[in-house]
Amino acid sequence: MTDHEPTVYPSGVQENHGGAIPMVLRLTYVGFVLFGLLYFFFWRQGSGTELVEQYNKLTGVK
C-alpha cells in the first residue's frame, strides 16, 4: 500500500485516497442487511403486533 498526497481542490476541500472504512460503518452495513432480512421473513410469515392486526381489521386488509 502506498501513501498518496491528498488532492486539494480550488475550494479548499481535501480528498484523501485509500482511506479505510471505519468498523462502525461496516457493522452498520451488516446491521441494515440483517434487519432487512428479518423484516422480510416476518412480513412473509404474516405475523404482526396486536396494533397492526387491529389496524388491518379496521381497514379490511387480510
N, C-alpha and C. Protein backbone atom coordinates (compact mmCIF):
# COMPACT_ATOMS: atom_id res chain seq x y z
N MET A 1 0.84 -1.16 0.00
CA MET A 1 0.00 0.00 0.00
C MET A 1 0.90 1.24 0.00
N THR A 2 0.61 2.17 -0.88
CA THR A 2 1.43 3.37 -0.96
C THR A 2 0.68 4.56 -0.40
N ASP A 3 1.44 5.50 0.12
CA ASP A 3 0.85 6.73 0.64
C ASP A 3 0.80 7.75 -0.48
N HIS A 4 -0.35 8.36 -0.64
CA HIS A 4 -0.53 9.38 -1.66
C HIS A 4 -0.82 10.71 -0.98
N GLU A 5 -0.39 11.75 -1.62
CA GLU A 5 -0.71 13.09 -1.13
C GLU A 5 -2.20 13.34 -1.38
N PRO A 6 -2.87 13.98 -0.43
CA PRO A 6 -4.29 14.27 -0.66
C PRO A 6 -4.47 15.27 -1.80
N THR A 7 -5.56 15.11 -2.53
CA THR A 7 -5.89 16.04 -3.60
C THR A 7 -6.55 17.26 -2.98
N VAL A 8 -6.05 18.44 -3.31
CA VAL A 8 -6.64 19.67 -2.79
C VAL A 8 -7.32 20.38 -3.95
N TYR A 9 -8.63 20.61 -3.81
CA TYR A 9 -9.41 21.27 -4.84
C TYR A 9 -9.37 22.78 -4.63
N PRO A 10 -9.68 23.56 -5.66
CA PRO A 10 -9.61 25.02 -5.53
C PRO A 10 -10.46 25.60 -4.40
N SER A 11 -11.54 24.90 -4.04
CA SER A 11 -12.39 25.41 -2.96
C SER A 11 -11.78 25.16 -1.59
N GLY A 12 -10.68 24.45 -1.52
CA GLY A 12 -10.01 24.18 -0.25
C GLY A 12 -10.34 22.81 0.32
N VAL A 13 -11.19 22.05 -0.35
CA VAL A 13 -11.57 20.72 0.11
C VAL A 13 -10.44 19.74 -0.21
N GLN A 14 -10.10 18.91 0.77
CA GLN A 14 -9.07 17.91 0.57
C GLN A 14 -9.71 16.53 0.45
N GLU A 15 -9.18 15.73 -0.48
CA GLU A 15 -9.67 14.38 -0.67
C GLU A 15 -8.51 13.41 -0.43
N ASN A 16 -8.68 12.55 0.58
CA ASN A 16 -7.66 11.54 0.86
C ASN A 16 -7.95 10.31 0.03
N HIS A 17 -6.92 9.59 -0.35
CA HIS A 17 -7.05 8.40 -1.18
C HIS A 17 -6.80 7.16 -0.35
N GLY A 18 -7.64 6.15 -0.58
CA GLY A 18 -7.40 4.84 0.03
C GLY A 18 -7.66 4.78 1.52
N GLY A 19 -8.57 5.57 2.03
CA GLY A 19 -8.88 5.50 3.45
C GLY A 19 -9.63 4.24 3.80
N ALA A 20 -9.40 3.75 4.99
CA ALA A 20 -10.07 2.54 5.44
C ALA A 20 -11.49 2.87 5.89
N ILE A 21 -12.39 1.92 5.75
CA ILE A 21 -13.76 2.09 6.20
C ILE A 21 -13.79 1.81 7.70
N PRO A 22 -14.32 2.73 8.51
CA PRO A 22 -14.36 2.51 9.96
C PRO A 22 -15.21 1.29 10.32
N MET A 23 -14.86 0.63 11.40
CA MET A 23 -15.56 -0.58 11.83
C MET A 23 -17.03 -0.29 12.13
N VAL A 24 -17.33 0.87 12.68
CA VAL A 24 -18.72 1.21 12.98
C VAL A 24 -19.55 1.23 11.71
N LEU A 25 -19.00 1.76 10.63
CA LEU A 25 -19.72 1.80 9.37
C LEU A 25 -19.89 0.40 8.79
N ARG A 26 -18.91 -0.44 8.93
CA ARG A 26 -19.03 -1.82 8.47
C ARG A 26 -20.13 -2.56 9.22
N LEU A 27 -20.17 -2.37 10.55
CA LEU A 27 -21.20 -3.01 11.35
C LEU A 27 -22.58 -2.46 11.01
N THR A 28 -22.65 -1.19 10.64
CA THR A 28 -23.92 -0.60 10.25
C THR A 28 -24.45 -1.27 8.99
N TYR A 29 -23.58 -1.51 8.02
CA TYR A 29 -23.99 -2.21 6.80
C TYR A 29 -24.54 -3.59 7.14
N VAL A 30 -23.84 -4.31 7.99
CA VAL A 30 -24.27 -5.65 8.38
C VAL A 30 -25.61 -5.57 9.12
N GLY A 31 -25.75 -4.59 10.00
CA GLY A 31 -26.98 -4.43 10.76
C GLY A 31 -28.18 -4.14 9.87
N PHE A 32 -28.01 -3.27 8.89
CA PHE A 32 -29.12 -2.95 7.99
C PHE A 32 -29.52 -4.16 7.16
N VAL A 33 -28.56 -4.94 6.72
CA VAL A 33 -28.86 -6.14 5.94
C VAL A 33 -29.61 -7.15 6.80
N LEU A 34 -29.14 -7.38 8.02
CA LEU A 34 -29.82 -8.32 8.90
C LEU A 34 -31.23 -7.86 9.23
N PHE A 35 -31.39 -6.57 9.50
CA PHE A 35 -32.72 -6.04 9.78
C PHE A 35 -33.64 -6.24 8.58
N GLY A 36 -33.14 -5.97 7.39
CA GLY A 36 -33.94 -6.13 6.19
C GLY A 36 -34.37 -7.58 5.98
N LEU A 37 -33.45 -8.51 6.20
CA LEU A 37 -33.78 -9.93 6.05
C LEU A 37 -34.80 -10.39 7.08
N LEU A 38 -34.62 -9.97 8.33
CA LEU A 38 -35.58 -10.33 9.37
C LEU A 38 -36.95 -9.73 9.10
N TYR A 39 -36.98 -8.47 8.67
CA TYR A 39 -38.24 -7.81 8.35
C TYR A 39 -38.95 -8.55 7.22
N PHE A 40 -38.21 -8.92 6.19
CA PHE A 40 -38.79 -9.65 5.06
C PHE A 40 -39.33 -11.00 5.52
N PHE A 41 -38.57 -11.70 6.37
CA PHE A 41 -39.01 -13.00 6.86
C PHE A 41 -40.32 -12.87 7.63
N PHE A 42 -40.39 -11.92 8.56
CA PHE A 42 -41.61 -11.76 9.35
C PHE A 42 -42.77 -11.26 8.49
N TRP A 43 -42.48 -10.46 7.49
CA TRP A 43 -43.53 -9.98 6.58
C TRP A 43 -44.12 -11.15 5.79
N ARG A 44 -43.24 -12.07 5.35
CA ARG A 44 -43.71 -13.24 4.59
C ARG A 44 -44.53 -14.18 5.47
N GLN A 45 -44.19 -14.26 6.75
CA GLN A 45 -44.93 -15.11 7.67
C GLN A 45 -46.29 -14.52 8.02
N GLY A 46 -46.44 -13.21 7.83
CA GLY A 46 -47.71 -12.56 8.11
C GLY A 46 -47.90 -12.20 9.57
N SER A 47 -46.87 -12.35 10.38
CA SER A 47 -47.03 -12.02 11.79
C SER A 47 -46.90 -10.52 11.99
N GLY A 48 -47.63 -10.02 12.96
CA GLY A 48 -47.57 -8.60 13.26
C GLY A 48 -47.94 -8.38 14.70
N THR A 49 -47.78 -7.17 15.13
CA THR A 49 -48.14 -6.86 16.50
C THR A 49 -49.65 -6.72 16.60
N GLU A 50 -50.13 -6.64 17.80
CA GLU A 50 -51.57 -6.50 18.04
C GLU A 50 -52.11 -5.23 17.41
N LEU A 51 -51.35 -4.16 17.49
CA LEU A 51 -51.78 -2.89 16.90
C LEU A 51 -51.91 -3.00 15.38
N VAL A 52 -50.97 -3.70 14.74
CA VAL A 52 -51.03 -3.89 13.29
C VAL A 52 -52.24 -4.75 12.93
N GLU A 53 -52.51 -5.78 13.71
CA GLU A 53 -53.65 -6.64 13.44
C GLU A 53 -54.96 -5.87 13.58
N GLN A 54 -55.06 -5.01 14.59
CA GLN A 54 -56.26 -4.19 14.75
C GLN A 54 -56.42 -3.23 13.58
N TYR A 55 -55.33 -2.64 13.15
CA TYR A 55 -55.38 -1.73 12.00
C TYR A 55 -55.83 -2.47 10.75
N ASN A 56 -55.33 -3.68 10.56
CA ASN A 56 -55.72 -4.48 9.39
C ASN A 56 -57.21 -4.82 9.43
N LYS A 57 -57.74 -5.12 10.61
CA LYS A 57 -59.17 -5.41 10.72
C LYS A 57 -60.00 -4.18 10.39
N LEU A 58 -59.56 -3.02 10.86
CA LEU A 58 -60.31 -1.79 10.60
C LEU A 58 -60.28 -1.39 9.13
N THR A 59 -59.18 -1.63 8.46
CA THR A 59 -59.05 -1.22 7.06
C THR A 59 -59.45 -2.33 6.09
N GLY A 60 -59.73 -3.52 6.59
CA GLY A 60 -60.16 -4.61 5.73
C GLY A 60 -59.02 -5.33 5.03
N VAL A 61 -57.82 -5.19 5.53
CA VAL A 61 -56.68 -5.90 4.95
C VAL A 61 -56.65 -7.31 5.52
N LYS A 62 -56.45 -8.31 4.67
CA LYS A 62 -56.44 -9.74 5.04
C LYS A 62 -57.78 -10.09 5.59
